[in-house]
Protein backbone atom coordinates (compact mmCIF):
# COMPACT_ATOMS: atom_id res chain seq x y z
CA ARG A 1 0.00 0.01 0.01
CA PRO A 2 1.24 3.55 -0.70
CA THR A 3 2.20 5.96 2.05
CA SER A 4 -0.90 7.66 3.24
CA GLY A 5 -1.06 10.45 5.79
CA THR A 6 1.01 9.60 8.82
CA VAL A 7 1.06 5.83 8.13
CA THR A 8 3.93 4.29 6.25
CA TYR A 9 3.06 0.75 5.20
CA PRO A 10 5.71 -2.03 4.94
CA SER A 11 6.75 -3.45 1.57
CA LEU A 12 6.23 -7.07 0.65
CA GLY A 13 9.92 -7.79 1.34
CA SER A 14 9.65 -6.40 4.78
CA ILE A 15 6.45 -8.33 5.60
CA VAL A 16 8.15 -11.57 4.59
CA ALA A 17 11.24 -10.63 6.62
CA HIS A 18 9.13 -9.76 9.63
CA LYS A 19 7.03 -12.93 9.40
CA ARG A 20 9.63 -15.49 8.36
CA GLY A 21 13.10 -14.07 8.97
CA ALA A 22 16.20 -15.34 7.20
CA VAL A 23 16.44 -19.04 6.11
CA ALA A 24 20.02 -19.31 7.69
CA GLU A 25 21.84 -17.55 10.43
CA GLY A 26 24.45 -14.88 9.62
CA VAL A 27 22.56 -13.37 6.68
CA PRO A 28 19.82 -10.80 6.39
CA ALA A 29 16.27 -11.75 5.59
CA TYR A 30 15.78 -9.07 2.93
CA VAL A 31 18.10 -7.66 0.32
CA VAL A 32 17.41 -4.98 -2.37
CA LEU A 33 19.58 -4.93 -5.43
CA GLY A 34 18.87 -1.45 -6.54
CA TYR A 35 18.23 2.05 -5.10
CA PRO A 36 16.64 2.22 -1.59
CA ASN A 37 13.37 4.16 -1.11
CA ILE A 38 10.52 4.33 1.32
CA VAL A 39 8.20 1.99 -0.62
CA ARG A 40 10.83 -0.82 -0.28
CA GLY A 41 11.16 -0.22 3.48
CA PRO A 42 9.68 -1.70 6.65
CA GLY A 43 7.26 1.12 7.43
CA PHE A 44 5.59 0.68 10.79
CA LEU A 45 7.19 -2.79 11.22
CA GLY A 46 10.39 -1.11 12.29
CA PRO A 47 14.03 -1.37 11.17
CA GLU A 48 14.31 -5.03 12.07
CA ALA A 49 12.28 -5.82 9.02
CA GLY A 50 14.33 -3.49 6.83
CA PHE A 51 16.79 -4.42 4.09
CA ILE A 52 20.40 -4.07 3.12
CA TYR A 53 21.08 -2.92 -0.43
CA THR A 54 23.64 -2.38 -3.06
CA THR A 55 23.58 -0.19 -6.27
CA ASP A 56 27.13 -1.16 -7.27
CA LEU A 57 27.93 -4.89 -7.60
CA LYS A 58 31.66 -4.22 -7.45
CA SER A 59 31.46 -2.35 -4.14
CA GLY A 60 29.17 -4.74 -2.31
CA PRO A 61 26.35 -3.82 0.03
CA ALA A 62 26.14 -0.23 1.13
CA GLY A 63 27.70 0.52 4.55
CA LEU A 64 29.15 -3.01 5.02
CA ALA A 65 32.21 -3.17 2.87
CA ARG A 66 35.39 -1.99 4.72
CA PRO A 67 37.23 0.80 2.95
CA LYS A 68 40.51 -0.27 1.33
CA TRP A 69 42.49 2.15 3.51
CA LEU A 70 41.12 0.63 6.73
CA SER A 71 43.19 -2.32 7.82
CA SER A 72 41.84 -5.34 9.67
CA PHE A 73 43.89 -4.40 12.73
CA ARG A 74 42.59 -0.88 12.84
CA ASN A 75 39.10 -2.10 12.21
CA SER A 76 39.39 -4.50 15.22
CA ARG A 77 40.63 -1.56 17.39
CA ARG A 78 37.59 0.45 16.39
CA GLN A 79 35.29 -2.31 17.31
CA GLU A 80 36.89 -2.76 20.71
CA LEU A 81 36.34 0.97 21.40
CA LEU A 82 32.79 0.78 20.12
CA GLU A 83 32.08 -2.12 22.37
CA LYS A 84 33.12 -0.14 25.47
CA VAL A 85 30.96 2.85 24.41
CA ARG A 86 28.09 0.44 23.64
CA LYS A 87 28.16 -1.17 27.07
CA GLY A 88 28.13 2.24 28.75
CA GLY A 89 25.08 3.24 26.64
CA GLU A 90 23.40 -0.03 27.38
CA ARG A 91 23.55 0.63 31.14
CA ARG A 92 22.50 4.29 30.73
CA PHE A 93 19.69 3.75 28.26
CA SER A 94 18.50 0.28 29.18
CA LYS A 95 14.85 1.33 29.05
CA ASP A 96 15.09 3.23 25.77
CA GLY A 97 13.51 1.29 22.91
CA LYS A 98 15.30 3.39 20.33
CA PHE A 99 18.71 2.59 21.77
CA ALA A 100 17.83 -1.16 21.70
CA GLU A 101 16.86 -0.86 17.96
CA TYR A 102 20.01 1.01 17.20
CA ASP A 103 22.14 -1.53 19.06
CA ALA A 104 20.51 -4.45 17.39
CA ALA A 105 21.14 -2.87 13.94
CA LEU A 106 24.73 -2.07 14.90
CA GLN A 107 25.44 -5.67 15.98
CA GLU A 108 23.86 -7.06 12.80
CA SER A 109 26.00 -4.75 10.59
CA ILE A 110 29.10 -5.84 12.32
CA ARG A 111 28.13 -9.51 11.86
CA LEU A 112 27.20 -9.03 8.19
CA SER A 113 30.38 -7.19 7.35
CA GLY A 114 32.39 -10.22 8.13
CA PRO A 115 33.85 -12.58 5.43
CA GLY A 116 31.15 -15.13 5.72
CA PHE A 117 28.31 -13.07 4.21
CA MET A 118 30.52 -10.66 2.11
CA LYS A 119 31.90 -13.54 -0.05
CA THR A 120 28.34 -13.93 -1.46
CA PHE A 121 29.01 -10.77 -3.46
CA LYS A 122 32.14 -12.13 -5.18
CA LEU A 123 30.63 -12.79 -8.55
CA GLU A 124 34.02 -13.38 -10.11
CA SER A 125 34.08 -16.72 -8.33
CA GLU A 126 31.39 -18.00 -10.83
CA PRO A 127 32.47 -19.55 -14.14
CA ALA A 128 32.93 -17.03 -16.92
CA GLY A 129 30.48 -18.84 -19.18
CA LEU A 130 27.71 -18.62 -16.56
CA ARG A 131 28.25 -14.97 -15.89
CA ASN A 132 28.16 -14.26 -19.69
CA SER A 133 24.87 -16.20 -20.04
CA TYR A 134 23.24 -13.77 -17.50
CA GLY A 135 24.20 -10.79 -19.69
CA SER A 136 24.38 -7.20 -18.59
CA GLU A 137 24.13 -5.38 -15.23
CA PHE A 138 20.58 -6.63 -14.57
CA GLY A 139 21.59 -10.13 -15.33
CA GLN A 140 24.47 -9.95 -12.94
CA ARG A 141 22.09 -8.78 -10.29
CA CYS A 142 19.95 -11.90 -10.99
CA LEU A 143 23.15 -14.03 -10.58
CA LEU A 144 23.79 -12.33 -7.28
CA ALA A 145 20.21 -13.01 -6.21
CA ARG A 146 20.80 -16.74 -6.84
CA ARG A 147 23.94 -16.54 -4.58
CA LEU A 148 22.05 -14.76 -1.93
CA PHE A 149 19.27 -17.44 -1.94
CA GLN A 150 22.04 -20.05 -1.55
CA SER A 151 23.43 -18.21 1.45
CA GLY A 152 20.02 -18.19 3.18
CA VAL A 153 18.47 -14.86 2.37
CA ARG A 154 14.69 -15.10 2.30
CA PHE A 155 13.63 -12.30 -0.02
CA VAL A 156 15.55 -10.49 -2.79
CA GLU A 157 14.23 -7.62 -4.81
CA VAL A 158 16.13 -7.15 -8.09
CA SER A 159 15.49 -3.66 -9.54
CA TYR A 160 15.77 -3.07 -13.30
CA SER A 161 17.37 0.32 -13.65
CA ASP A 162 19.50 0.01 -16.91
CA ASN A 163 18.29 3.36 -18.15
CA PHE A 164 21.41 3.76 -20.25
CA LYS A 165 20.04 1.30 -22.81
CA ASN A 166 17.32 3.59 -24.06
CA GLY A 167 17.53 6.64 -21.86
CA THR A 168 14.40 5.90 -19.94
CA GLY A 169 14.44 2.30 -18.80
CA TRP A 170 10.96 0.72 -18.74
CA ASP A 171 9.38 4.15 -18.48
CA THR A 172 9.05 4.00 -22.27
CA HIS A 173 7.57 7.41 -23.16
CA ASN A 174 8.54 9.23 -26.30
CA GLU A 175 11.88 8.12 -27.80
CA GLY A 176 12.47 5.54 -25.06
CA GLN A 177 10.07 3.29 -26.90
CA LEU A 178 12.41 2.96 -29.89
CA LYS A 179 14.87 0.76 -28.02
CA GLN A 180 12.48 -1.18 -25.88
CA HIS A 181 13.54 -4.38 -27.66
CA LEU A 182 16.93 -4.06 -26.02
CA LEU A 183 15.26 -4.14 -22.62
CA ILE A 184 13.19 -7.14 -23.57
CA GLN A 185 16.21 -9.08 -24.80
CA ASP A 186 18.05 -8.18 -21.60
CA LEU A 187 15.25 -9.43 -19.41
CA ASP A 188 14.84 -12.59 -21.47
CA ASP A 189 18.57 -13.47 -21.16
CA ALA A 190 18.67 -12.81 -17.39
CA LEU A 191 15.32 -14.55 -16.56
CA SER A 192 16.09 -17.70 -18.59
CA SER A 193 19.58 -17.98 -17.07
CA LEU A 194 18.20 -17.53 -13.61
CA ILE A 195 15.57 -20.23 -13.96
CA LEU A 196 18.09 -22.72 -15.36
CA ASP A 197 20.68 -21.79 -12.75
CA LEU A 198 18.24 -22.15 -9.82
CA ASN A 199 17.13 -25.51 -11.24
CA ASN A 200 20.80 -26.70 -11.53
CA HIS A 201 21.32 -25.80 -7.80
CA ASN A 202 18.05 -27.50 -6.74
CA LEU A 203 16.65 -24.16 -5.70
CA LEU A 204 13.93 -23.61 -8.30
CA GLU A 205 11.17 -25.60 -6.60
CA LYS A 206 11.59 -23.61 -3.40
CA THR A 207 12.14 -20.18 -4.86
CA VAL A 208 9.27 -18.07 -6.24
CA ILE A 209 10.29 -15.75 -9.06
CA LEU A 210 8.02 -12.74 -9.55
CA ILE A 211 8.21 -10.19 -12.35
CA ASN A 212 6.05 -7.35 -11.31
CA SER A 213 5.22 -3.76 -12.28
CA GLU A 214 2.69 -1.18 -11.17
CA PHE A 215 0.84 -0.94 -14.55
CA GLY A 216 0.98 -1.93 -18.23
CA ARG A 217 1.06 -0.10 -21.54
CA PRO A 218 -1.78 0.48 -23.99
CA GLY A 219 -1.43 -1.15 -27.47
CA GLY A 220 -1.35 2.17 -29.37
CA PHE A 221 1.24 4.90 -29.45
CA ASP A 222 0.62 8.39 -28.07
CA SER A 223 1.49 11.76 -29.70
CA GLY A 224 5.09 11.63 -28.41
CA GLY A 225 5.77 8.26 -30.03
CA GLY A 226 5.72 6.35 -26.77
CA ARG A 227 3.06 4.49 -24.92
CA GLY A 228 1.14 5.72 -21.88
CA HIS A 229 0.03 4.20 -18.54
CA GLN A 230 -2.58 1.51 -18.33
CA SER A 231 -3.64 0.31 -14.88
CA LYS A 232 -6.81 -1.68 -15.64
CA CYS A 233 -5.17 -4.50 -17.53
CA PHE A 234 -1.59 -5.82 -17.46
CA THR A 235 0.40 -8.92 -16.72
CA ASN A 236 2.78 -10.31 -14.07
CA VAL A 237 4.86 -13.39 -14.25
CA ILE A 238 5.33 -16.07 -11.59
CA ALA A 239 7.71 -18.97 -11.94
CA GLY A 240 9.28 -21.64 -9.68
CA GLY A 241 8.17 -22.25 -6.12
CA GLY A 242 6.63 -25.68 -6.93
CA LEU A 243 3.64 -24.05 -8.67
CA ASN A 244 1.57 -26.49 -10.65
CA HIS A 245 -0.07 -24.13 -13.08
CA ARG A 246 1.58 -23.57 -16.42
CA GLY A 247 0.75 -20.92 -19.06
CA ALA A 248 -1.46 -17.88 -18.90
CA TYR A 249 -4.27 -17.27 -16.44
CA GLY A 250 -6.90 -14.73 -17.41
CA VAL A 251 -7.95 -13.26 -20.70
CA SER A 252 -7.96 -9.69 -22.06
CA ASN A 253 -9.54 -8.29 -25.17
CA GLU A 254 -7.59 -8.24 -28.40
CA VAL A 255 -5.79 -4.96 -27.71
CA SER A 256 -5.23 -5.75 -23.93
CA GLU A 257 -7.33 -2.74 -22.84
CA LYS A 258 -9.58 -4.59 -20.44
CA ILE A 259 -9.92 -7.94 -18.75
CA VAL A 260 -12.59 -10.25 -20.00
CA GLU A 261 -12.01 -13.40 -18.03
CA ASN A 262 -10.53 -14.35 -14.63
CA PRO A 263 -9.36 -10.98 -13.33
CA VAL A 264 -6.73 -10.99 -10.56
CA SER A 265 -6.66 -8.02 -8.20
CA ALA A 266 -3.60 -6.91 -6.23
CA PRO A 267 -4.78 -8.57 -2.97
CA ASP A 268 -5.50 -11.80 -4.83
CA PHE A 269 -2.11 -11.70 -6.42
């Protein structure tokens, strides 16, 4: 649900993280591969249902990777000092809920910044042929998602933000429409490789893949040469997860302007 008034609702990822937690110890429950924003956040569930994120696969998760100039010895000294300060704060603010939340987040960040979880982001350890099959930046994010699932992360959101391919990404107004085929090819390469890769690692049957957007596009072009917004009829894709159904569910009219059979609302979905 969108933010309304004073209430900030949690994202789907945060709801899953809150209800189920991580699959394994030592990893977060929820990871965003893309830019952070309020609609991806925990809302009223609080920071424990939040996410870690990365926008740069080479740099790793934001706020967790140790700077190159910071040696392991100096980092250990800093943690020793921090532990002394933390214990003092714990005694002084023992009844302060905000301090407890901060302390929990701090301890988790220290744990996640260790080599155990951080090695998940080393995509160079994968075979070159596999990496190439995934394709561009978006595909590499999908490969990282598979590695995160292997490590025990419960929910991964992979954002498609390769705007450089056509100047607008999937917001295909005006001239952005002219190179939409590049986005489609990119998505096809990444998705097919992800499905095969998950299956090869015996993860497909227990991993639900969802391709989702907030609306579709009308069949016709607008005055700017692009395609506008269409919220009354569009498609999502679900794969994996042991689902028995195969093929399409629901029917639209010939130009996909309206649903004529088996509508699926957002709550149903």
